Amino acid sequence: MSRLSVCCRWERQKLLIAGRGWLLILCALLLQLGIACFAQPAKQYTFDAQLYAEYIEKYAGAYSEETAQAIRAEQQKAAEQMQPGDGVYTEESRKERLLASLRHNALAELESKYSRLASCREKHPVLTYDLELTDYLRKFGMNWASLLGLLFLLPMLMLGDAQCGMEQILCPAAIGRKQLISAKLLNAVLLSVFLTAVCSGLQFAVFAYRWDFGALDVPIQSLTGFEQCALDLTVRSGMLLCAVLRMLAAAAFAMVVCALSVLLRRTPAVISAAVLLVGIGAFLSGAYPAFAAWFLYSPLSSMNALRFASASDLLCMCGALLLKTAALRFLAQRIRGR
């Protein structure tokens, strides 16, 4: 067994057992479980969701021009029923026009969705009920538990020796400092990937238990907002790809926190600076989505990263995340090895 392996194992034992880091990991998992259990889909629609679901069930299936014409015809019929008749105005007629109005709004939303599916018909999209699923996919990127866990665990890993006065004893020579920092950085990457992967898996399992996910095996272009995605993916494979991107982003975030730790040398300052960088990165990622990989410093990457992505964009994003992780690791090692 190499010196680096022994040092890595020793650092993990110090963090998780002696430093009681396992309690922080348990708290992060419980927090993620709570978020997944109590999260509710947004139901603030401008149309009747029940009528919309009925029409989705009626016209469900692969896109076809005949179905598009049938939807437009039924919408026109509902529009005609909304108009006041020449007869006597009664409570029953008022209810009929109200129902016709609700049907017209639901059909208008359906017609809008179907017209978007027409723009990507070469991907063979399928009309399916996706209101809760689309909202879930937005929540799937909110991996706050792993982010908070890493914010506290990584400074403990990097600064624990200095805070207890053991730093000069453990690494008085340059070779010892190099091995120690290499072990700490490797453990930081492994810990970030592990915690993000477990939180993502836990989140997916709870949501899958709570909601119906029959639409997971349809093309991702079937979902509202993903019609322009250039990737040949199902919803399920898109979620898996998102989880992989999130783990790469978590490794980059770990190196950011490690670099801040060796620069600032104080846990409160490290956490404050990391939160600031996450906020700036999130803002810049939204403002410049084409360069999101360079601004992404946290495991909060969501399915929105795939909305307009092509295969070359994904390769560039993965390469950028790996390059950023390597550069930040080199920076932290150089500063700490001085």
C-alpha atoms as a PDB file:
ATOM      1  CA  MET A   1       0.000   0.000   0.000  1.00  0.00           C
ATOM      2  CA  SER A   2       1.435   3.394  -1.047  1.00  0.00           C
ATOM      3  CA  ARG A   3       2.083   6.269   1.321  1.00  0.00           C
ATOM      4  CA  LEU A   4      -0.654   8.303  -0.342  1.00  0.00           C
ATOM      5  CA  SER A   5      -3.231   5.551   0.238  1.00  0.00           C
ATOM      6  CA  VAL A   6      -2.275   5.264   3.906  1.00  0.00           C
ATOM      7  CA  CYS A   7      -2.398   9.022   4.311  1.00  0.00           C
ATOM      8  CA  CYS A   8      -5.827   9.203   2.597  1.00  0.00           C
ATOM      9  CA  ARG A   9      -7.245   6.543   4.881  1.00  0.00           C
ATOM     10  CA  TRP A  10      -5.834   8.285   7.945  1.00  0.00           C
ATOM     11  CA  GLU A  11      -7.298  11.636   6.874  1.00  0.00           C
ATOM     12  CA  ARG A  12     -10.722  10.049   6.352  1.00  0.00           C
ATOM     13  CA  GLN A  13     -10.607   8.502   9.817  1.00  0.00           C
ATOM     14  CA  LYS A  14      -9.659  11.846  11.353  1.00  0.00           C
ATOM     15  CA  LEU A  15     -12.489  13.662   9.586  1.00  0.00           C
ATOM     16  CA  LEU A  16     -15.291  11.122   9.873  1.00  0.00           C
ATOM     17  CA  ILE A  17     -14.547   9.459  13.222  1.00  0.00           C
ATOM     18  CA  ALA A  18     -12.312  11.696  15.338  1.00  0.00           C
ATOM     19  CA  GLY A  19     -13.863  14.882  13.938  1.00  0.00           C
ATOM     20  CA  ARG A  20     -17.351  13.332  13.928  1.00  0.00           C
ATOM     21  CA  GLY A  21     -17.865  14.261  10.305  1.00  0.00           C
ATOM     22  CA  TRP A  22     -20.236  11.328   9.956  1.00  0.00           C
ATOM     23  CA  LEU A  23     -22.764  13.354  11.963  1.00  0.00           C
ATOM     24  CA  LEU A  24     -22.658  16.128   9.362  1.00  0.00           C
ATOM     25  CA  ILE A  25     -23.117  13.580   6.569  1.00  0.00           C
ATOM     26  CA  LEU A  26     -26.090  12.073   8.410  1.00  0.00           C
ATOM     27  CA  CYS A  27     -27.606  15.539   8.895  1.00  0.00           C
ATOM     28  CA  ALA A  28     -27.142  16.315   5.199  1.00  0.00           C
ATOM     29  CA  LEU A  29     -28.891  13.087   4.194  1.00  0.00           C
ATOM     30  CA  LEU A  30     -31.759  13.704   6.627  1.00  0.00           C
ATOM     31  CA  LEU A  31     -32.109  17.256   5.296  1.00  0.00           C
ATOM     32  CA  GLN A  32     -32.228  15.970   1.732  1.00  0.00           C
ATOM     33  CA  LEU A  33     -34.806  13.381   2.762  1.00  0.00           C
ATOM     34  CA  GLY A  34     -36.931  16.064   4.377  1.00  0.00           C
ATOM     35  CA  ILE A  35     -36.731  18.358   1.347  1.00  0.00           C
ATOM     36  CA  ALA A  36     -37.732  15.507  -0.962  1.00  0.00           C
ATOM     37  CA  CYS A  37     -40.593  14.374   1.296  1.00  0.00           C
ATOM     38  CA  PHE A  38     -42.184  17.778   1.834  1.00  0.00           C
ATOM     39  CA  ALA A  39     -41.575  19.423  -1.552  1.00  0.00           C
ATOM     40  CA  GLN A  40     -44.815  20.093  -3.386  1.00  0.00           C
ATOM     41  CA  PRO A  41     -45.350  20.683  -7.103  1.00  0.00           C
ATOM     42  CA  ALA A  42     -46.389  24.181  -8.078  1.00  0.00           C
ATOM     43  CA  LYS A  43     -50.075  24.180  -8.992  1.00  0.00           C
ATOM     44  CA  GLN A  44     -50.541  27.816  -9.953  1.00  0.00           C
ATOM     45  CA  TYR A  45     -51.830  27.230 -13.467  1.00  0.00           C
ATOM     46  CA  THR A  46     -53.899  29.583 -15.617  1.00  0.00           C
ATOM     47  CA  PHE A  47     -56.034  26.655 -16.766  1.00  0.00           C
ATOM     48  CA  ASP A  48     -57.927  23.773 -15.188  1.00  0.00           C
ATOM     49  CA  ALA A  49     -55.332  21.051 -14.595  1.00  0.00           C
ATOM     50  CA  GLN A  50     -57.968  18.292 -14.372  1.00  0.00           C
ATOM     51  CA  LEU A  51     -59.479  19.167 -17.757  1.00  0.00           C
ATOM     52  CA  TYR A  52     -55.977  19.490 -19.197  1.00  0.00           C
ATOM     53  CA  ALA A  53     -55.132  15.993 -17.926  1.00  0.00           C
ATOM     54  CA  GLU A  54     -58.318  14.611 -19.483  1.00  0.00           C
ATOM     55  CA  TYR A  55     -57.451  16.080 -22.864  1.00  0.00           C
ATOM     56  CA  ILE A  56     -53.872  14.816 -22.572  1.00  0.00           C
ATOM     57  CA  GLU A  57     -55.222  11.322 -21.943  1.00  0.00           C
ATOM     58  CA  LYS A  58     -57.587  11.659 -24.903  1.00  0.00           C
ATOM     59  CA  TYR A  59     -54.915  12.797 -27.391  1.00  0.00           C
ATOM     60  CA  ALA A  60     -51.865  11.076 -25.874  1.00  0.00           C
ATOM     61  CA  GLY A  61     -49.339   9.474 -28.173  1.00  0.00           C
ATOM     62  CA  ALA A  62     -46.824  10.347 -30.853  1.00  0.00           C
ATOM     63  CA  TYR A  63     -47.223  13.635 -32.709  1.00  0.00           C
ATOM     64  CA  SER A  64     -49.457  13.578 -35.787  1.00  0.00           C
ATOM     65  CA  GLU A  65     -51.046  16.268 -37.938  1.00  0.00           C
ATOM     66  CA  GLU A  66     -54.465  14.619 -37.579  1.00  0.00           C
ATOM     67  CA  THR A  67     -54.299  15.021 -33.794  1.00  0.00           C
ATOM     68  CA  ALA A  68     -53.252  18.660 -34.152  1.00  0.00           C
ATOM     69  CA  GLN A  69     -56.280  19.346 -36.360  1.00  0.00           C
ATOM     70  CA  ALA A  70     -58.611  17.557 -33.900  1.00  0.00           C
ATOM     71  CA  ILE A  71     -57.317  19.706 -31.015  1.00  0.00           C
ATOM     72  CA  ARG A  72     -57.832  22.912 -32.990  1.00  0.00           C
ATOM     73  CA  ALA A  73     -61.339  21.843 -33.985  1.00  0.00           C
ATOM     74  CA  GLU A  74     -62.331  21.075 -30.389  1.00  0.00           C
ATOM     75  CA  GLN A  75     -60.848  24.377 -29.238  1.00  0.00           C
ATOM     76  CA  GLN A  76     -62.893  26.227 -31.863  1.00  0.00           C
ATOM     77  CA  LYS A  77     -66.023  24.395 -30.716  1.00  0.00           C
ATOM     78  CA  ALA A  78     -65.386  25.446 -27.097  1.00  0.00           C
ATOM     79  CA  ALA A  79     -64.853  29.032 -28.238  1.00  0.00           C
ATOM     80  CA  GLU A  80     -68.259  29.009 -29.973  1.00  0.00           C
ATOM     81  CA  GLN A  81     -69.957  27.638 -26.863  1.00  0.00           C
ATOM     82  CA  MET A  82     -68.535  30.535 -24.840  1.00  0.00           C
ATOM     83  CA  GLN A  83     -70.501  33.052 -26.878  1.00  0.00           C
ATOM     84  CA  PRO A  84     -73.839  34.183 -25.392  1.00  0.00           C
ATOM     85  CA  GLY A  85     -76.859  32.767 -27.222  1.00  0.00           C
ATOM     86  CA  ASP A  86     -80.031  34.474 -28.353  1.00  0.00           C
ATOM     87  CA  GLY A  87     -82.177  32.705 -25.766  1.00  0.00           C
ATOM     88  CA  VAL A  88     -83.039  33.670 -22.233  1.00  0.00           C
ATOM     89  CA  TYR A  89     -80.082  34.030 -19.887  1.00  0.00           C
ATOM     90  CA  THR A  90     -80.328  31.394 -17.154  1.00  0.00           C
ATOM     91  CA  GLU A  91     -78.103  30.016 -14.434  1.00  0.00           C
ATOM     92  CA  GLU A  92     -77.692  26.819 -16.439  1.00  0.00           C
ATOM     93  CA  SER A  93     -76.521  28.675 -19.525  1.00  0.00           C
ATOM     94  CA  ARG A  94     -74.053  30.653 -17.408  1.00  0.00           C
ATOM     95  CA  LYS A  95     -72.582  27.412 -16.060  1.00  0.00           C
ATOM     96  CA  GLU A  96     -72.341  26.018 -19.590  1.00  0.00           C
ATOM     97  CA  ARG A  97     -70.408  29.067 -20.791  1.00  0.00           C
ATOM     98  CA  LEU A  98     -68.145  28.873 -17.741  1.00  0.00           C
ATOM     99  CA  LEU A  99     -67.409  25.211 -18.460  1.00  0.00           C
ATOM    100  CA  ALA A 100     -66.806  26.055 -22.111  1.00  0.00           C
ATOM    101  CA  SER A 101     -64.360  28.762 -21.015  1.00  0.00           C
ATOM    102  CA  LEU A 102     -62.465  26.290 -18.826  1.00  0.00           C
ATOM    103  CA  ARG A 103     -62.331  23.797 -21.681  1.00  0.00           C
ATOM    104  CA  HIS A 104     -61.143  26.489 -24.074  1.00  0.00           C
ATOM    105  CA  ASN A 105     -58.287  27.511 -21.748  1.00  0.00           C
ATOM    106  CA  ALA A 106     -57.198  23.896 -21.231  1.00  0.00           C
ATOM    107  CA  LEU A 107     -57.336  23.258 -24.980  1.00  0.00           C
ATOM    108  CA  ALA A 108     -55.393  26.461 -25.660  1.00  0.00           C
ATOM    109  CA  GLU A 109     -52.606  25.242 -23.381  1.00  0.00           C
ATOM    110  CA  LEU A 110     -52.727  21.837 -25.059  1.00  0.00           C
ATOM    111  CA  GLU A 111     -52.636  23.384 -28.537  1.00  0.00           C
ATOM    112  CA  SER A 112     -49.646  25.522 -27.507  1.00  0.00           C
ATOM    113  CA  LYS A 113     -47.793  22.461 -26.218  1.00  0.00           C
ATOM    114  CA  TYR A 114     -48.663  20.479 -29.353  1.00  0.00           C
ATOM    115  CA  SER A 115     -47.381  23.260 -31.618  1.00  0.00           C
ATOM    116  CA  ARG A 116     -44.075  23.180 -29.717  1.00  0.00           C
ATOM    117  CA  LEU A 117     -43.894  19.413 -30.243  1.00  0.00           C
ATOM    118  CA  ALA A 118     -44.321  20.064 -33.976  1.00  0.00           C
ATOM    119  CA  SER A 119     -41.046  22.012 -33.978  1.00  0.00           C
ATOM    120  CA  CYS A 120     -39.124  18.869 -32.954  1.00  0.00           C
ATOM    121  CA  ARG A 121     -41.159  16.175 -34.667  1.00  0.00           C
ATOM    122  CA  GLU A 122     -37.974  14.561 -36.063  1.00  0.00           C
ATOM    123  CA  LYS A 123     -37.160  13.516 -32.447  1.00  0.00           C
ATOM    124  CA  HIS A 124     -40.510  11.658 -32.255  1.00  0.00           C
ATOM    125  CA  PRO A 125     -41.875  13.465 -29.168  1.00  0.00           C
ATOM    126  CA  VAL A 126     -44.861  12.031 -27.336  1.00  0.00           C
ATOM    127  CA  LEU A 127     -47.768  14.012 -25.905  1.00  0.00           C
ATOM    128  CA  THR A 128     -47.864  13.152 -22.216  1.00  0.00           C
ATOM    129  CA  TYR A 129     -49.017  14.740 -18.955  1.00  0.00           C
ATOM    130  CA  ASP A 130     -45.894  16.379 -17.544  1.00  0.00           C
ATOM    131  CA  LEU A 131     -46.998  19.156 -15.186  1.00  0.00           C
ATOM    132  CA  GLU A 132     -45.753  17.505 -11.960  1.00  0.00           C
ATOM    133  CA  LEU A 133     -42.807  15.917 -13.743  1.00  0.00           C
ATOM    134  CA  THR A 134     -41.606  19.230 -15.184  1.00  0.00           C
ATOM    135  CA  ASP A 135     -41.826  20.837 -11.755  1.00  0.00           C
ATOM    136  CA  TYR A 136     -39.972  17.881 -10.247  1.00  0.00           C
ATOM    137  CA  LEU A 137     -37.155  18.257 -12.754  1.00  0.00           C
ATOM    138  CA  ARG A 138     -36.671  21.826 -11.590  1.00  0.00           C
ATOM    139  CA  LYS A 139     -36.505  20.606  -7.987  1.00  0.00           C
ATOM    140  CA  PHE A 140     -34.107  17.820  -9.033  1.00  0.00           C
ATOM    141  CA  GLY A 141     -31.373  20.454  -9.361  1.00  0.00           C
ATOM    142  CA  MET A 142     -31.899  21.809  -5.845  1.00  0.00           C
ATOM    143  CA  ASN A 143     -29.359  19.637  -4.057  1.00  0.00           C
ATOM    144  CA  TRP A 144     -28.973  22.043  -1.146  1.00  0.00           C
ATOM    145  CA  ALA A 145     -28.239  19.321   1.400  1.00  0.00           C
ATOM    146  CA  SER A 146     -24.995  18.142  -0.207  1.00  0.00           C
ATOM    147  CA  LEU A 147     -23.916  21.749  -0.751  1.00  0.00           C
ATOM    148  CA  LEU A 148     -24.408  22.622   2.932  1.00  0.00           C
ATOM    149  CA  GLY A 149     -22.715  19.407   4.030  1.00  0.00           C
ATOM    150  CA  LEU A 150     -19.644  20.138   1.925  1.00  0.00           C
ATOM    151  CA  LEU A 151     -19.478  23.739   3.147  1.00  0.00           C
ATOM    152  CA  PHE A 152     -18.860  22.469   6.692  1.00  0.00           C
ATOM    153  CA  LEU A 153     -17.012  19.207   6.034  1.00  0.00           C
ATOM    154  CA  LEU A 154     -14.322  20.499   3.671  1.00  0.00           C
ATOM    155  CA  PRO A 155     -12.990  23.281   5.953  1.00  0.00           C
ATOM    156  CA  MET A 156     -12.809  20.679   8.734  1.00  0.00           C
ATOM    157  CA  LEU A 157     -10.751  18.460   6.439  1.00  0.00           C
ATOM    158  CA  MET A 158      -8.374  21.205   5.312  1.00  0.00           C
ATOM    159  CA  LEU A 159      -7.988  23.203   8.549  1.00  0.00           C
ATOM    160  CA  GLY A 160      -8.428  20.561  11.255  1.00  0.00           C
ATOM    161  CA  ASP A 161      -4.682  20.010  11.792  1.00  0.00           C
ATOM    162  CA  ALA A 162      -3.905  23.725  11.993  1.00  0.00           C
ATOM    163  CA  GLN A 163      -6.760  24.447  14.397  1.00  0.00           C
ATOM    164  CA  CYS A 164      -5.577  21.810  16.865  1.00  0.00           C
ATOM    165  CA  GLY A 165      -1.889  22.775  16.599  1.00  0.00           C
ATOM    166  CA  MET A 166      -0.738  19.572  14.863  1.00  0.00           C
ATOM    167  CA  GLU A 167       0.216  21.023  11.486  1.00  0.00           C
ATOM    168  CA  GLN A 168       3.910  21.629  12.229  1.00  0.00           C
ATOM    169  CA  ILE A 169       4.257  18.204  13.810  1.00  0.00           C
ATOM    170  CA  LEU A 170       2.646  16.268  10.957  1.00  0.00           C
ATOM    171  CA  CYS A 171       4.406  17.948   8.031  1.00  0.00           C
ATOM    172  CA  PRO A 172       7.647  19.717   9.037  1.00  0.00           C
ATOM    173  CA  ALA A 173       9.291  18.921   5.652  1.00  0.00           C
ATOM    174  CA  ALA A 174       8.259  19.814   2.104  1.00  0.00           C
ATOM    175  CA  ILE A 175       7.727  16.149   1.153  1.00  0.00           C
ATOM    176  CA  GLY A 176       5.418  15.607   4.103  1.00  0.00           C
ATOM    177  CA  ARG A 177       3.412  18.728   3.280  1.00  0.00           C
ATOM    178  CA  LYS A 178       3.011  17.600  -0.345  1.00  0.00           C
ATOM    179  CA  GLN A 179       1.757  14.133   0.622  1.00  0.00           C
ATOM    180  CA  LEU A 180      -0.597  15.541   3.236  1.00  0.00           C
ATOM    181  CA  ILE A 181      -2.179  18.117   0.939  1.00  0.00           C
ATOM    182  CA  SER A 182      -2.503  15.532  -1.862  1.00  0.00           C
ATOM    183  CA  ALA A 183      -4.354  13.201   0.495  1.00  0.00           C
ATOM    184  CA  LYS A 184      -6.642  15.973   1.717  1.00  0.00           C
ATOM    185  CA  LEU A 185      -7.494  17.118  -1.812  1.00  0.00           C
ATOM    186  CA  LEU A 186      -8.161  13.561  -2.979  1.00  0.00           C
ATOM    187  CA  ASN A 187     -10.455  12.961  -0.005  1.00  0.00           C
ATOM    188  CA  ALA A 188     -12.225  16.248  -0.737  1.00  0.00           C
ATOM    189  CA  VAL A 189     -13.028  15.125  -4.291  1.00  0.00           C
ATOM    190  CA  LEU A 190     -14.142  11.665  -3.173  1.00  0.00           C
ATOM    191  CA  LEU A 191     -16.293  13.080  -0.380  1.00  0.00           C
ATOM    192  CA  SER A 192     -17.971  15.641  -2.645  1.00  0.00           C
ATOM    193  CA  VAL A 193     -18.784  13.089  -5.343  1.00  0.00           C
ATOM    194  CA  PHE A 194     -20.020  10.539  -2.793  1.00  0.00           C
ATOM    195  CA  LEU A 195     -22.273  12.960  -0.896  1.00  0.00           C
ATOM    196  CA  THR A 196     -23.711  14.452  -4.102  1.00  0.00           C
ATOM    197  CA  ALA A 197     -24.366  11.016  -5.595  1.00  0.00           C
ATOM    198  CA  VAL A 198     -26.107   9.731  -2.450  1.00  0.00           C
ATOM    199  CA  CYS A 199     -28.238  12.882  -2.078  1.00  0.00           C
ATOM    200  CA  SER A 200     -29.228  12.737  -5.761  1.00  0.00           C
ATOM    201  CA  GLY A 201     -30.154   9.071  -5.499  1.00  0.00           C
ATOM    202  CA  LEU A 202     -32.128   9.653  -2.307  1.00  0.00           C
ATOM    203  CA  GLN A 203     -33.934  12.602  -3.873  1.00  0.00           C
ATOM    204  CA  PHE A 204     -34.855  10.618  -6.979  1.00  0.00           C
ATOM    205  CA  ALA A 205     -36.058   7.594  -4.975  1.00  0.00           C
ATOM    206  CA  VAL A 206     -38.383   9.659  -2.764  1.00  0.00           C
ATOM    207  CA  PHE A 207     -39.868  11.648  -5.644  1.00  0.00           C
ATOM    208  CA  ALA A 208     -40.323   8.488  -7.685  1.00  0.00           C
ATOM    209  CA  TYR A 209     -42.250   6.952  -4.789  1.00  0.00           C
ATOM    210  CA  ARG A 210     -44.453  10.033  -4.355  1.00  0.00           C
ATOM    211  CA  TRP A 211     -45.284  10.840  -7.980  1.00  0.00           C
ATOM    212  CA  ASP A 212     -46.131   8.911 -11.113  1.00  0.00           C
ATOM    213  CA  PHE A 213     -43.177   8.718 -13.481  1.00  0.00           C
ATOM    214  CA  GLY A 214     -44.663   6.913 -16.435  1.00  0.00           C
ATOM    215  CA  ALA A 215     -43.203   9.591 -18.706  1.00  0.00           C
ATOM    216  CA  LEU A 216     -39.583   8.808 -17.856  1.00  0.00           C
ATOM    217  CA  ASP A 217     -39.021   6.653 -20.932  1.00  0.00           C
ATOM    218  CA  VAL A 218     -40.343   9.138 -23.497  1.00  0.00           C
ATOM    219  CA  PRO A 219     -37.991  11.413 -25.498  1.00  0.00           C
ATOM    220  CA  ILE A 220     -36.874  14.372 -23.453  1.00  0.00           C
ATOM    221  CA  GLN A 221     -38.294  16.682 -26.146  1.00  0.00           C
ATOM    222  CA  SER A 222     -41.771  15.613 -24.954  1.00  0.00           C
ATOM    223  CA  LEU A 223     -41.368  17.765 -21.829  1.00  0.00           C
ATOM    224  CA  THR A 224     -42.393  21.404 -21.712  1.00  0.00           C
ATOM    225  CA  GLY A 225     -39.306  23.589 -22.120  1.00  0.00           C
ATOM    226  CA  PHE A 226     -37.115  20.854 -23.609  1.00  0.00           C
ATOM    227  CA  GLU A 227     -38.484  20.879 -27.159  1.00  0.00           C
ATOM    228  CA  GLN A 228     -35.299  22.454 -28.535  1.00  0.00           C
ATOM    229  CA  CYS A 229     -32.924  19.984 -26.864  1.00  0.00           C
ATOM    230  CA  ALA A 230     -30.662  18.493 -29.548  1.00  0.00           C
ATOM    231  CA  LEU A 231     -29.803  15.347 -27.557  1.00  0.00           C
ATOM    232  CA  ASP A 232     -31.341  11.952 -28.339  1.00  0.00           C
ATOM    233  CA  LEU A 233     -32.226  11.146 -24.737  1.00  0.00           C
ATOM    234  CA  THR A 234     -35.151   9.851 -22.757  1.00  0.00           C
ATOM    235  CA  VAL A 235     -36.189  11.705 -19.615  1.00  0.00           C
ATOM    236  CA  ARG A 236     -34.609   8.998 -17.457  1.00  0.00           C
ATOM    237  CA  SER A 237     -31.239   9.153 -19.228  1.00  0.00           C
ATOM    238  CA  GLY A 238     -31.378  12.954 -19.078  1.00  0.00           C
ATOM    239  CA  MET A 239     -31.758  12.800 -15.304  1.00  0.00           C
ATOM    240  CA  LEU A 240     -28.813  10.417 -15.076  1.00  0.00           C
ATOM    241  CA  LEU A 241     -26.722  12.748 -17.229  1.00  0.00           C
ATOM    242  CA  CYS A 242     -27.736  15.663 -15.011  1.00  0.00           C
ATOM    243  CA  ALA A 243     -26.586  13.729 -11.933  1.00  0.00           C
ATOM    244  CA  VAL A 244     -23.195  13.084 -13.558  1.00  0.00           C
ATOM    245  CA  LEU A 245     -22.788  16.795 -14.365  1.00  0.00           C
ATOM    246  CA  ARG A 246     -23.750  17.606 -10.799  1.00  0.00           C
ATOM    247  CA  MET A 247     -21.047  15.299  -9.432  1.00  0.00           C
ATOM    248  CA  LEU A 248     -18.435  16.920 -11.702  1.00  0.00           C
ATOM    249  CA  ALA A 249     -19.590  20.324 -10.472  1.00  0.00           C
ATOM    250  CA  ALA A 250     -19.379  19.097  -6.875  1.00  0.00           C
ATOM    251  CA  ALA A 251     -15.740  18.081  -7.392  1.00  0.00           C
ATOM    252  CA  ALA A 252     -14.997  21.559  -8.758  1.00  0.00           C
ATOM    253  CA  PHE A 253     -16.808  23.102  -5.794  1.00  0.00           C
ATOM    254  CA  ALA A 254     -14.705  20.994  -3.420  1.00  0.00           C
ATOM    255  CA  MET A 255     -11.522  22.391  -4.953  1.00  0.00           C
ATOM    256  CA  VAL A 256     -12.880  25.936  -4.611  1.00  0.00           C
ATOM    257  CA  VAL A 257     -13.488  25.403  -0.897  1.00  0.00           C
ATOM    258  CA  CYS A 258     -10.054  23.789  -0.468  1.00  0.00           C
ATOM    259  CA  ALA A 259      -8.337  26.700  -2.229  1.00  0.00           C
ATOM    260  CA  LEU A 260     -10.258  29.172  -0.062  1.00  0.00           C
ATOM    261  CA  SER A 261      -9.318  27.195   3.051  1.00  0.00           C
ATOM    262  CA  VAL A 262      -5.593  27.416   2.422  1.00  0.00           C
ATOM    263  CA  LEU A 263      -5.880  31.098   1.527  1.00  0.00           C
ATOM    264  CA  LEU A 264      -8.171  32.379   4.293  1.00  0.00           C
ATOM    265  CA  ARG A 265      -7.317  29.882   7.066  1.00  0.00           C
ATOM    266  CA  ARG A 266     -10.566  30.619   8.981  1.00  0.00           C
ATOM    267  CA  THR A 267     -13.705  28.487   8.683  1.00  0.00           C
ATOM    268  CA  PRO A 268     -16.261  31.365   8.856  1.00  0.00           C
ATOM    269  CA  ALA A 269     -14.346  33.301   6.194  1.00  0.00           C
ATOM    270  CA  VAL A 270     -14.135  30.209   3.968  1.00  0.00           C
ATOM    271  CA  ILE A 271     -17.868  29.516   4.209  1.00  0.00           C
ATOM    272  CA  SER A 272     -18.773  33.157   3.544  1.00  0.00           C
ATOM    273  CA  ALA A 273     -16.502  33.369   0.499  1.00  0.00           C
ATOM    274  CA  ALA A 274     -17.781  30.034  -0.866  1.00  0.00           C
ATOM    275  CA  VAL A 275     -21.423  31.127  -0.516  1.00  0.00           C
ATOM    276  CA  LEU A 276     -20.596  34.385  -2.304  1.00  0.00           C
ATOM    277  CA  LEU A 277     -18.923  32.512  -5.155  1.00  0.00           C
ATOM    278  CA  VAL A 278     -21.887  30.126  -5.458  1.00  0.00           C
ATOM    279  CA  GLY A 279     -24.274  33.076  -5.698  1.00  0.00           C
ATOM    280  CA  ILE A 280     -22.157  34.855  -8.305  1.00  0.00           C
ATOM    281  CA  GLY A 281     -21.711  31.619 -10.242  1.00  0.00           C
ATOM    282  CA  ALA A 282     -25.447  30.916 -10.235  1.00  0.00           C
ATOM    283  CA  PHE A 283     -26.198  34.426 -11.505  1.00  0.00           C
ATOM    284  CA  LEU A 284     -23.585  34.267 -14.269  1.00  0.00           C
ATOM    285  CA  SER A 285     -24.702  30.759 -15.272  1.00  0.00           C
ATOM    286  CA  GLY A 286     -28.236  32.063 -15.764  1.00  0.00           C
ATOM    287  CA  ALA A 287     -27.071  35.165 -17.611  1.00  0.00           C
ATOM    288  CA  TYR A 288     -24.616  33.313 -19.865  1.00  0.00           C
ATOM    289  CA  PRO A 289     -25.836  29.682 -20.178  1.00  0.00           C
ATOM    290  CA  ALA A 290     -23.350  28.900 -22.957  1.00  0.00           C
ATOM    291  CA  PHE A 291     -20.508  29.415 -20.440  1.00  0.00           C
ATOM    292  CA  ALA A 292     -22.272  27.850 -17.448  1.00  0.00           C
ATOM    293  CA  ALA A 293     -19.551  25.237 -16.888  1.00  0.00           C
ATOM    294  CA  TRP A 294     -16.991  27.951 -16.142  1.00  0.00           C
ATOM    295  CA  PHE A 295     -19.241  29.678 -13.623  1.00  0.00           C
ATOM    296  CA  LEU A 296     -20.678  26.572 -11.952  1.00  0.00           C
ATOM    297  CA  TYR A 297     -19.089  26.053  -8.526  1.00  0.00           C
ATOM    298  CA  SER A 298     -21.676  23.898  -6.788  1.00  0.00           C
ATOM    299  CA  PRO A 299     -23.660  20.645  -7.115  1.00  0.00           C
ATOM    300  CA  LEU A 300     -26.796  22.682  -7.911  1.00  0.00           C
ATOM    301  CA  SER A 301     -26.700  22.031 -11.656  1.00  0.00           C
ATOM    302  CA  SER A 302     -30.205  21.221 -12.867  1.00  0.00           C
ATOM    303  CA  MET A 303     -31.932  19.714 -15.876  1.00  0.00           C
ATOM    304  CA  ASN A 304     -32.115  23.200 -17.375  1.00  0.00           C
ATOM    305  CA  ALA A 305     -28.509  22.719 -18.465  1.00  0.00           C
ATOM    306  CA  LEU A 306     -29.816  20.256 -21.086  1.00  0.00           C
ATOM    307  CA  ARG A 307     -32.604  22.407 -22.513  1.00  0.00           C
ATOM    308  CA  PHE A 308     -30.607  23.816 -25.426  1.00  0.00           C
ATOM    309  CA  ALA A 309     -27.514  21.593 -25.244  1.00  0.00           C
ATOM    310  CA  SER A 310     -26.000  19.546 -28.048  1.00  0.00           C
ATOM    311  CA  ALA A 311     -23.548  16.653 -27.741  1.00  0.00           C
ATOM    312  CA  SER A 312     -20.603  18.980 -28.408  1.00  0.00           C
ATOM    313  CA  ASP A 313     -21.887  21.388 -25.736  1.00  0.00           C
ATOM    314  CA  LEU A 314     -21.965  18.555 -23.188  1.00  0.00           C
ATOM    315  CA  LEU A 315     -18.448  17.459 -24.056  1.00  0.00           C
ATOM    316  CA  CYS A 316     -17.224  21.035 -23.673  1.00  0.00           C
ATOM    317  CA  MET A 317     -19.075  21.356 -20.353  1.00  0.00           C
ATOM    318  CA  CYS A 318     -17.595  18.136 -18.953  1.00  0.00           C
ATOM    319  CA  GLY A 319     -14.134  19.117 -20.193  1.00  0.00           C
ATOM    320  CA  ALA A 320     -14.467  22.572 -18.649  1.00  0.00           C
ATOM    321  CA  LEU A 321     -15.542  21.152 -15.293  1.00  0.00           C
ATOM    322  CA  LEU A 322     -12.661  18.671 -15.245  1.00  0.00           C
ATOM    323  CA  LEU A 323     -10.169  21.335 -16.324  1.00  0.00           C
ATOM    324  CA  LYS A 324     -11.435  23.728 -13.675  1.00  0.00           C
ATOM    325  CA  THR A 325     -11.176  21.023 -11.005  1.00  0.00           C
ATOM    326  CA  ALA A 326      -7.596  20.204 -12.019  1.00  0.00           C
ATOM    327  CA  ALA A 327      -6.583  23.883 -12.104  1.00  0.00           C
ATOM    328  CA  LEU A 328      -8.078  24.585  -8.682  1.00  0.00           C
ATOM    329  CA  ARG A 329      -6.459  21.457  -7.248  1.00  0.00           C
ATOM    330  CA  PHE A 330      -3.062  22.596  -8.559  1.00  0.00           C
ATOM    331  CA  LEU A 331      -3.627  26.076  -7.103  1.00  0.00           C
ATOM    332  CA  ALA A 332      -4.554  24.717  -3.677  1.00  0.00           C
ATOM    333  CA  GLN A 333      -1.600  22.330  -3.659  1.00  0.00           C
ATOM    334  CA  ARG A 334       0.870  25.039  -4.654  1.00  0.00           C
ATOM    335  CA  ILE A 335      -0.362  27.501  -2.032  1.00  0.00           C
ATOM    336  CA  ARG A 336      -0.515  24.894   0.724  1.00  0.00           C
ATOM    337  CA  GLY A 337       2.884  23.407  -0.154  1.00  0.00           C
ATOM    338  CA  ARG A 338       4.744  26.649   0.345  1.00  0.00           C
END
